[in-house]
C-alpha atoms as a PDB file:
ATOM      1  CA  MET A   1      29.764  24.662 -12.974  1.00  0.00           C
ATOM      2  CA  LYS A   2      28.550  24.813 -16.583  1.00  0.00           C
ATOM      3  CA  SER A   3      24.803  24.846 -17.229  1.00  0.00           C
ATOM      4  CA  VAL A   4      23.222  22.963 -20.135  1.00  0.00           C
ATOM      5  CA  VAL A   5      19.634  23.817 -21.106  1.00  0.00           C
ATOM      6  CA  CYS A   6      17.969  21.068 -23.185  1.00  0.00           C
ATOM      7  CA  PHE A   7      15.078  22.628 -25.109  1.00  0.00           C
ATOM      8  CA  GLY A   8      12.855  20.205 -26.946  1.00  0.00           C
ATOM      9  CA  ASP A   9       9.587  18.327 -27.293  1.00  0.00           C
ATOM     10  CA  SER A  10       8.281  14.986 -26.043  1.00  0.00           C
ATOM     11  CA  ASN A  11      11.529  13.150 -26.734  1.00  0.00           C
ATOM     12  CA  THR A  12      13.251  15.612 -24.395  1.00  0.00           C
ATOM     13  CA  TYR A  13      10.404  15.337 -21.889  1.00  0.00           C
ATOM     14  CA  GLY A  14      10.843  11.561 -21.933  1.00  0.00           C
ATOM     15  CA  TYR A  15       7.530  10.330 -23.352  1.00  0.00           C
ATOM     16  CA  ASN A  16       7.300   6.554 -23.054  1.00  0.00           C
ATOM     17  CA  PRO A  17       5.861   5.096 -26.297  1.00  0.00           C
ATOM     18  CA  ALA A  18       4.830   1.902 -24.520  1.00  0.00           C
ATOM     19  CA  ASP A  19       2.272   3.488 -22.200  1.00  0.00           C
ATOM     20  CA  GLY A  20       2.227   7.275 -22.741  1.00  0.00           C
ATOM     21  CA  ASP A  21       3.715   7.992 -19.320  1.00  0.00           C
ATOM     22  CA  ARG A  22       7.049   9.664 -18.645  1.00  0.00           C
ATOM     23  CA  PHE A  23      10.215   7.604 -18.474  1.00  0.00           C
ATOM     24  CA  PRO A  24      11.944   7.713 -15.077  1.00  0.00           C
ATOM     25  CA  GLU A  25      15.166   9.647 -14.635  1.00  0.00           C
ATOM     26  CA  SER A  26      17.126   6.427 -15.017  1.00  0.00           C
ATOM     27  CA  VAL A  27      16.018   6.284 -18.665  1.00  0.00           C
ATOM     28  CA  ARG A  28      15.629   9.890 -19.896  1.00  0.00           C
ATOM     29  CA  TRP A  29      18.476  11.065 -22.125  1.00  0.00           C
ATOM     30  CA  THR A  30      18.738  14.358 -20.297  1.00  0.00           C
ATOM     31  CA  CYS A  31      19.388  12.599 -16.998  1.00  0.00           C
ATOM     32  CA  LEU A  32      21.816  10.165 -18.600  1.00  0.00           C
ATOM     33  CA  LEU A  33      23.558  13.181 -20.130  1.00  0.00           C
ATOM     34  CA  GLN A  34      24.045  14.572 -16.616  1.00  0.00           C
ATOM     35  CA  GLU A  35      25.730  11.333 -15.567  1.00  0.00           C
ATOM     36  CA  LEU A  36      27.993  11.344 -18.615  1.00  0.00           C
ATOM     37  CA  LEU A  37      29.049  14.975 -18.257  1.00  0.00           C
ATOM     38  CA  GLY A  38      29.647  14.720 -14.530  1.00  0.00           C
ATOM     39  CA  ASP A  39      29.682  17.137 -11.620  1.00  0.00           C
ATOM     40  CA  GLY A  40      31.138  20.004 -13.635  1.00  0.00           C
ATOM     41  CA  TYR A  41      27.824  20.411 -15.476  1.00  0.00           C
ATOM     42  CA  LYS A  42      24.205  21.010 -14.551  1.00  0.00           C
ATOM     43  CA  VAL A  43      21.732  19.648 -17.118  1.00  0.00           C
ATOM     44  CA  ILE A  44      18.344  21.389 -17.170  1.00  0.00           C
ATOM     45  CA  GLU A  45      15.364  19.592 -18.720  1.00  0.00           C
ATOM     46  CA  GLU A  46      13.000  21.782 -20.767  1.00  0.00           C
ATOM     47  CA  GLY A  47      10.965  19.282 -22.775  1.00  0.00           C
ATOM     48  CA  LEU A  48       7.282  19.740 -23.597  1.00  0.00           C
ATOM     49  CA  ASN A  49       5.015  17.240 -25.343  1.00  0.00           C
ATOM     50  CA  GLY A  50       3.836  18.633 -28.676  1.00  0.00           C
ATOM     51  CA  ARG A  51       6.223  21.605 -28.747  1.00  0.00           C
ATOM     52  CA  THR A  52       6.836  23.115 -32.192  1.00  0.00           C
ATOM     53  CA  THR A  53       9.279  25.751 -33.385  1.00  0.00           C
ATOM     54  CA  VAL A  54       6.860  28.506 -34.439  1.00  0.00           C
ATOM     55  CA  PHE A  55       3.645  26.742 -35.472  1.00  0.00           C
ATOM     56  CA  GLU A  56       0.502  27.131 -33.381  1.00  0.00           C
ATOM     57  CA  ASP A  57      -1.432  23.947 -32.732  1.00  0.00           C
ATOM     58  CA  PRO A  58      -5.163  24.654 -33.157  1.00  0.00           C
ATOM     59  CA  CYS A  59      -5.901  22.435 -30.155  1.00  0.00           C
ATOM     60  CA  ASP A  60      -3.073  23.667 -27.903  1.00  0.00           C
ATOM     61  CA  ASP A  61      -2.140  27.298 -28.489  1.00  0.00           C
ATOM     62  CA  TRP A  62       0.690  27.238 -25.951  1.00  0.00           C
ATOM     63  CA  LYS A  63       3.107  24.851 -27.659  1.00  0.00           C
ATOM     64  CA  LYS A  64       5.182  27.245 -29.795  1.00  0.00           C
ATOM     65  CA  GLY A  65       8.832  27.099 -28.795  1.00  0.00           C
ATOM     66  CA  ILE A  66       9.440  30.623 -30.029  1.00  0.00           C
ATOM     67  CA  ASP A  67       7.105  31.933 -27.297  1.00  0.00           C
ATOM     68  CA  TYR A  68       9.017  30.185 -24.508  1.00  0.00           C
ATOM     69  CA  ILE A  69      12.689  30.349 -25.352  1.00  0.00           C
ATOM     70  CA  LYS A  70      13.489  33.816 -23.989  1.00  0.00           C
ATOM     71  CA  GLY A  71      11.778  33.213 -20.661  1.00  0.00           C
ATOM     72  CA  ILE A  72      13.342  29.791 -20.229  1.00  0.00           C
ATOM     73  CA  LEU A  73      16.846  31.030 -20.932  1.00  0.00           C
ATOM     74  CA  CYS A  74      16.479  34.003 -18.611  1.00  0.00           C
ATOM     75  CA  THR A  75      15.053  31.753 -15.885  1.00  0.00           C
ATOM     76  CA  HIS A  76      18.134  29.542 -15.947  1.00  0.00           C
ATOM     77  CA  ARG A  77      20.867  32.061 -16.672  1.00  0.00           C
ATOM     78  CA  PRO A  78      23.744  32.029 -16.729  1.00  0.00           C
ATOM     79  CA  VAL A  79      23.442  29.490 -19.546  1.00  0.00           C
ATOM     80  CA  ASP A  80      26.638  28.025 -20.975  1.00  0.00           C
ATOM     81  CA  TYR A  81      25.187  25.480 -23.403  1.00  0.00           C
ATOM     82  CA  LEU A  82      21.858  25.334 -25.193  1.00  0.00           C
ATOM     83  CA  VAL A  83      20.781  22.077 -26.846  1.00  0.00           C
ATOM     84  CA  ILE A  84      17.832  22.461 -29.228  1.00  0.00           C
ATOM     85  CA  MET A  85      16.008  19.413 -30.592  1.00  0.00           C
ATOM     86  CA  LEU A  86      12.728  20.452 -32.216  1.00  0.00           C
ATOM     87  CA  GLY A  87      10.941  19.979 -35.519  1.00  0.00           C
ATOM     88  CA  THR A  88       9.179  16.641 -35.228  1.00  0.00           C
ATOM     89  CA  ASN A  89       5.813  18.145 -34.283  1.00  0.00           C
ATOM     90  CA  ASP A  90       6.176  20.737 -37.051  1.00  0.00           C
ATOM     91  CA  MET A  91       5.742  17.870 -39.483  1.00  0.00           C
ATOM     92  CA  LYS A  92       2.170  17.194 -38.375  1.00  0.00           C
ATOM     93  CA  THR A  93      -0.330  17.108 -41.219  1.00  0.00           C
ATOM     94  CA  VAL A  94      -2.248  20.067 -39.804  1.00  0.00           C
ATOM     95  CA  PHE A  95       0.664  22.453 -40.372  1.00  0.00           C
ATOM     96  CA  ASN A  96       1.480  21.363 -43.946  1.00  0.00           C
ATOM     97  CA  ALA A  97       4.964  22.835 -43.468  1.00  0.00           C
ATOM     98  CA  SER A  98       7.919  22.085 -45.703  1.00  0.00           C
ATOM     99  CA  ALA A  99      11.328  21.140 -44.314  1.00  0.00           C
ATOM    100  CA  GLU A 100      12.563  24.574 -45.363  1.00  0.00           C
ATOM    101  CA  GLU A 101       9.755  26.291 -43.452  1.00  0.00           C
ATOM    102  CA  ILE A 102      10.475  24.199 -40.365  1.00  0.00           C
ATOM    103  CA  SER A 103      14.146  25.135 -40.516  1.00  0.00           C
ATOM    104  CA  ALA A 104      13.134  28.800 -40.792  1.00  0.00           C
ATOM    105  CA  GLY A 105      11.290  28.351 -37.483  1.00  0.00           C
ATOM    106  CA  LEU A 106      14.424  26.866 -35.939  1.00  0.00           C
ATOM    107  CA  ASN A 107      16.409  29.808 -37.245  1.00  0.00           C
ATOM    108  CA  GLU A 108      14.046  32.206 -35.456  1.00  0.00           C
ATOM    109  CA  ILE A 109      14.535  30.369 -32.175  1.00  0.00           C
ATOM    110  CA  VAL A 110      18.320  30.484 -32.522  1.00  0.00           C
ATOM    111  CA  GLN A 111      18.250  34.190 -33.359  1.00  0.00           C
ATOM    112  CA  ARG A 112      16.007  34.981 -30.410  1.00  0.00           C
ATOM    113  CA  SER A 113      18.232  32.918 -28.109  1.00  0.00           C
ATOM    114  CA  GLU A 114      21.356  34.716 -29.224  1.00  0.00           C
ATOM    115  CA  LYS A 115      19.844  38.172 -28.832  1.00  0.00           C
ATOM    116  CA  VAL A 116      18.341  37.685 -25.385  1.00  0.00           C
ATOM    117  CA  MET A 117      21.428  36.016 -23.964  1.00  0.00           C
ATOM    118  CA  ASP A 118      23.751  38.647 -25.353  1.00  0.00           C
ATOM    119  CA  LEU A 119      21.538  41.292 -23.758  1.00  0.00           C
ATOM    120  CA  LYS A 120      20.819  39.632 -20.421  1.00  0.00           C
ATOM    121  CA  GLN A 121      24.036  37.790 -19.603  1.00  0.00           C
ATOM    122  CA  GLY A 122      26.564  39.480 -21.851  1.00  0.00           C
ATOM    123  CA  TYR A 123      27.494  36.458 -23.936  1.00  0.00           C
ATOM    124  CA  VAL A 124      25.840  33.833 -26.113  1.00  0.00           C
ATOM    125  CA  PRO A 125      25.867  30.217 -24.912  1.00  0.00           C
ATOM    126  CA  LYS A 126      27.354  27.552 -27.106  1.00  0.00           C
ATOM    127  CA  ILE A 127      24.430  26.171 -29.081  1.00  0.00           C
ATOM    128  CA  LEU A 128      24.058  22.578 -30.257  1.00  0.00           C
ATOM    129  CA  ILE A 129      21.359  21.975 -32.862  1.00  0.00           C
ATOM    130  CA  VAL A 130      20.117  18.388 -32.937  1.00  0.00           C
ATOM    131  CA  SER A 131      18.181  17.353 -36.016  1.00  0.00           C
ATOM    132  CA  PRO A 132      15.680  14.881 -34.528  1.00  0.00           C
ATOM    133  CA  PRO A 133      15.396  11.176 -35.329  1.00  0.00           C
ATOM    134  CA  GLU A 134      13.334  10.467 -38.416  1.00  0.00           C
ATOM    135  CA  ILE A 135       9.721   9.431 -38.173  1.00  0.00           C
ATOM    136  CA  SER A 136       9.387   5.785 -39.203  1.00  0.00           C
ATOM    137  CA  LEU A 137       6.627   4.155 -41.221  1.00  0.00           C
ATOM    138  CA  ASP A 138       5.414   2.601 -37.972  1.00  0.00           C
ATOM    139  CA  ILE A 139       3.678   5.937 -37.401  1.00  0.00           C
ATOM    140  CA  LEU A 140       1.043   4.982 -39.972  1.00  0.00           C
ATOM    141  CA  SER A 141      -0.261   2.097 -37.862  1.00  0.00           C
ATOM    142  CA  GLY A 142       0.409   3.578 -34.434  1.00  0.00           C
ATOM    143  CA  PRO A 143      -1.517   5.865 -32.065  1.00  0.00           C
ATOM    144  CA  PHE A 144      -0.351   9.041 -33.827  1.00  0.00           C
ATOM    145  CA  ALA A 145      -1.426   8.013 -37.331  1.00  0.00           C
ATOM    146  CA  GLY A 146      -4.100  10.703 -37.318  1.00  0.00           C
ATOM    147  CA  SER A 147      -1.527  13.446 -36.811  1.00  0.00           C
ATOM    148  CA  PHE A 148       1.243  12.359 -39.182  1.00  0.00           C
ATOM    149  CA  ASN A 149       1.181  10.975 -42.723  1.00  0.00           C
ATOM    150  CA  GLU A 150       3.647   9.565 -45.246  1.00  0.00           C
ATOM    151  CA  ALA A 151       4.700  13.073 -46.236  1.00  0.00           C
ATOM    152  CA  ALA A 152       5.883  13.625 -42.661  1.00  0.00           C
ATOM    153  CA  VAL A 153       7.981  10.467 -42.844  1.00  0.00           C
ATOM    154  CA  GLU A 154       9.627  11.719 -46.026  1.00  0.00           C
ATOM    155  CA  LYS A 155      10.233  15.223 -44.632  1.00  0.00           C
ATOM    156  CA  SER A 156      11.846  13.787 -41.531  1.00  0.00           C
ATOM    157  CA  ARG A 157      14.441  12.086 -43.718  1.00  0.00           C
ATOM    158  CA  HIS A 158      15.593  15.387 -45.235  1.00  0.00           C
ATOM    159  CA  LEU A 159      15.165  17.866 -42.379  1.00  0.00           C
ATOM    160  CA  SER A 160      18.805  17.585 -41.334  1.00  0.00           C
ATOM    161  CA  GLU A 161      19.956  19.068 -44.650  1.00  0.00           C
ATOM    162  CA  TYR A 162      18.165  22.311 -43.800  1.00  0.00           C
ATOM    163  CA  TYR A 163      19.070  22.264 -40.107  1.00  0.00           C
ATOM    164  CA  LYS A 164      22.755  21.983 -40.990  1.00  0.00           C
ATOM    165  CA  LYS A 165      22.455  25.248 -42.924  1.00  0.00           C
ATOM    166  CA  VAL A 166      20.989  26.979 -39.870  1.00  0.00           C
ATOM    167  CA  ALA A 167      23.804  25.617 -37.698  1.00  0.00           C
ATOM    168  CA  ASP A 168      26.455  26.796 -40.159  1.00  0.00           C
ATOM    169  CA  LYS A 169      24.850  30.235 -40.437  1.00  0.00           C
ATOM    170  CA  HIS A 170      25.041  30.787 -36.677  1.00  0.00           C
ATOM    171  CA  GLY A 171      28.242  28.888 -35.953  1.00  0.00           C
ATOM    172  CA  CYS A 172      26.402  26.284 -33.878  1.00  0.00           C
ATOM    173  CA  GLY A 173      27.349  22.697 -33.234  1.00  0.00           C
ATOM    174  CA  PHE A 174      25.280  20.189 -35.174  1.00  0.00           C
ATOM    175  CA  VAL A 175      24.171  16.576 -34.723  1.00  0.00           C
ATOM    176  CA  ASP A 176      22.049  14.526 -37.117  1.00  0.00           C
ATOM    177  CA  ALA A 177      20.378  12.153 -34.679  1.00  0.00           C
ATOM    178  CA  LYS A 178      18.769   9.996 -37.368  1.00  0.00           C
ATOM    179  CA  LEU A 179      22.194   8.673 -38.321  1.00  0.00           C
ATOM    180  CA  HIS A 180      22.598   7.179 -34.863  1.00  0.00           C
ATOM    181  CA  ILE A 181      19.195   6.352 -33.347  1.00  0.00           C
ATOM    182  CA  ARG A 182      15.697   5.386 -34.442  1.00  0.00           C
ATOM    183  CA  PRO A 183      12.236   5.829 -32.913  1.00  0.00           C
ATOM    184  CA  SER A 184      10.467   2.934 -31.271  1.00  0.00           C
ATOM    185  CA  ALA A 185       8.385   0.445 -33.232  1.00  0.00           C
ATOM    186  CA  GLU A 186       5.454   1.124 -30.876  1.00  0.00           C
ATOM    187  CA  ASP A 187       4.605   4.472 -32.426  1.00  0.00           C
ATOM    188  CA  GLY A 188       7.328   5.351 -34.952  1.00  0.00           C
ATOM    189  CA  LEU A 189       7.847   8.683 -33.216  1.00  0.00           C
ATOM    190  CA  HIS A 190       9.225   8.415 -29.690  1.00  0.00           C
ATOM    191  CA  LEU A 191      12.482   6.976 -28.431  1.00  0.00           C
ATOM    192  CA  ASP A 192      12.633   3.819 -26.370  1.00  0.00           C
ATOM    193  CA  ALA A 193      15.142   3.288 -23.568  1.00  0.00           C
ATOM    194  CA  GLN A 194      17.899   2.296 -25.981  1.00  0.00           C
ATOM    195  CA  GLY A 195      17.244   5.407 -28.058  1.00  0.00           C
ATOM    196  CA  HIS A 196      17.540   7.628 -24.994  1.00  0.00           C
ATOM    197  CA  LYS A 197      20.851   5.998 -24.084  1.00  0.00           C
ATOM    198  CA  GLY A 198      22.216   6.481 -27.588  1.00  0.00           C
ATOM    199  CA  LEU A 199      21.104  10.104 -27.741  1.00  0.00           C
ATOM    200  CA  ALA A 200      22.678  10.894 -24.366  1.00  0.00           C
ATOM    201  CA  GLU A 201      26.012   9.460 -25.499  1.00  0.00           C
ATOM    202  CA  LEU A 202      25.846  11.349 -28.784  1.00  0.00           C
ATOM    203  CA  ILE A 203      25.046  14.699 -27.188  1.00  0.00           C
ATOM    204  CA  ALA A 204      27.611  14.289 -24.416  1.00  0.00           C
ATOM    205  CA  LYS A 205      30.308  13.740 -27.021  1.00  0.00           C
ATOM    206  CA  SER A 206      29.110  16.725 -29.038  1.00  0.00           C
ATOM    207  CA  ILE A 207      29.032  19.082 -26.040  1.00  0.00           C
ATOM    208  CA  LYS A 208      32.580  18.167 -25.116  1.00  0.00           C
ATOM    209  CA  GLU A 209      33.630  18.955 -28.698  1.00  0.00           C
ATOM    210  CA  LEU A 210      31.999  22.397 -28.772  1.00  0.00           C
END
């Protein structure tokens, strides 16, 4: 059986933009991915609300993905596939990070993943980098307006250009999610049920092509 670790933020956790709760397994893209891949795969959910690549949130100092990735991978090894979808929270106003700086954080996570897996399990899993859906202008009138501004919306439209370079550098698979799905109108940030379905189908296809 092949294992698939899905490492991400609230859209991997399954945050429901309608009420702030967690979507049930029947809706979450990770669980739908399990159904699409079938019994030959085991999909492991590792989503955390507010997770960044390398930036430390002044209110929550335990959200940096770089601090977690080695432990998570070693917990679940052997790992055959690693799906990384991060970067949305890096665009918060408080970090003032450019798309290039965010992609540098992603690069660090990929490097750390490769090194620890090569050391601990003797081979590097196939890595799929997913550039997240763009942030829509609905963010400016939604519940997260205090955390994101128009600059974040603009950065989210160009992040994939930098993520593709990271994927090419490391020989990873790559998906630009914004070309296929959009965030909900409720908050301009999180996926609704249809978005989760679309993302599951997209990632299932991409994993089979790796």
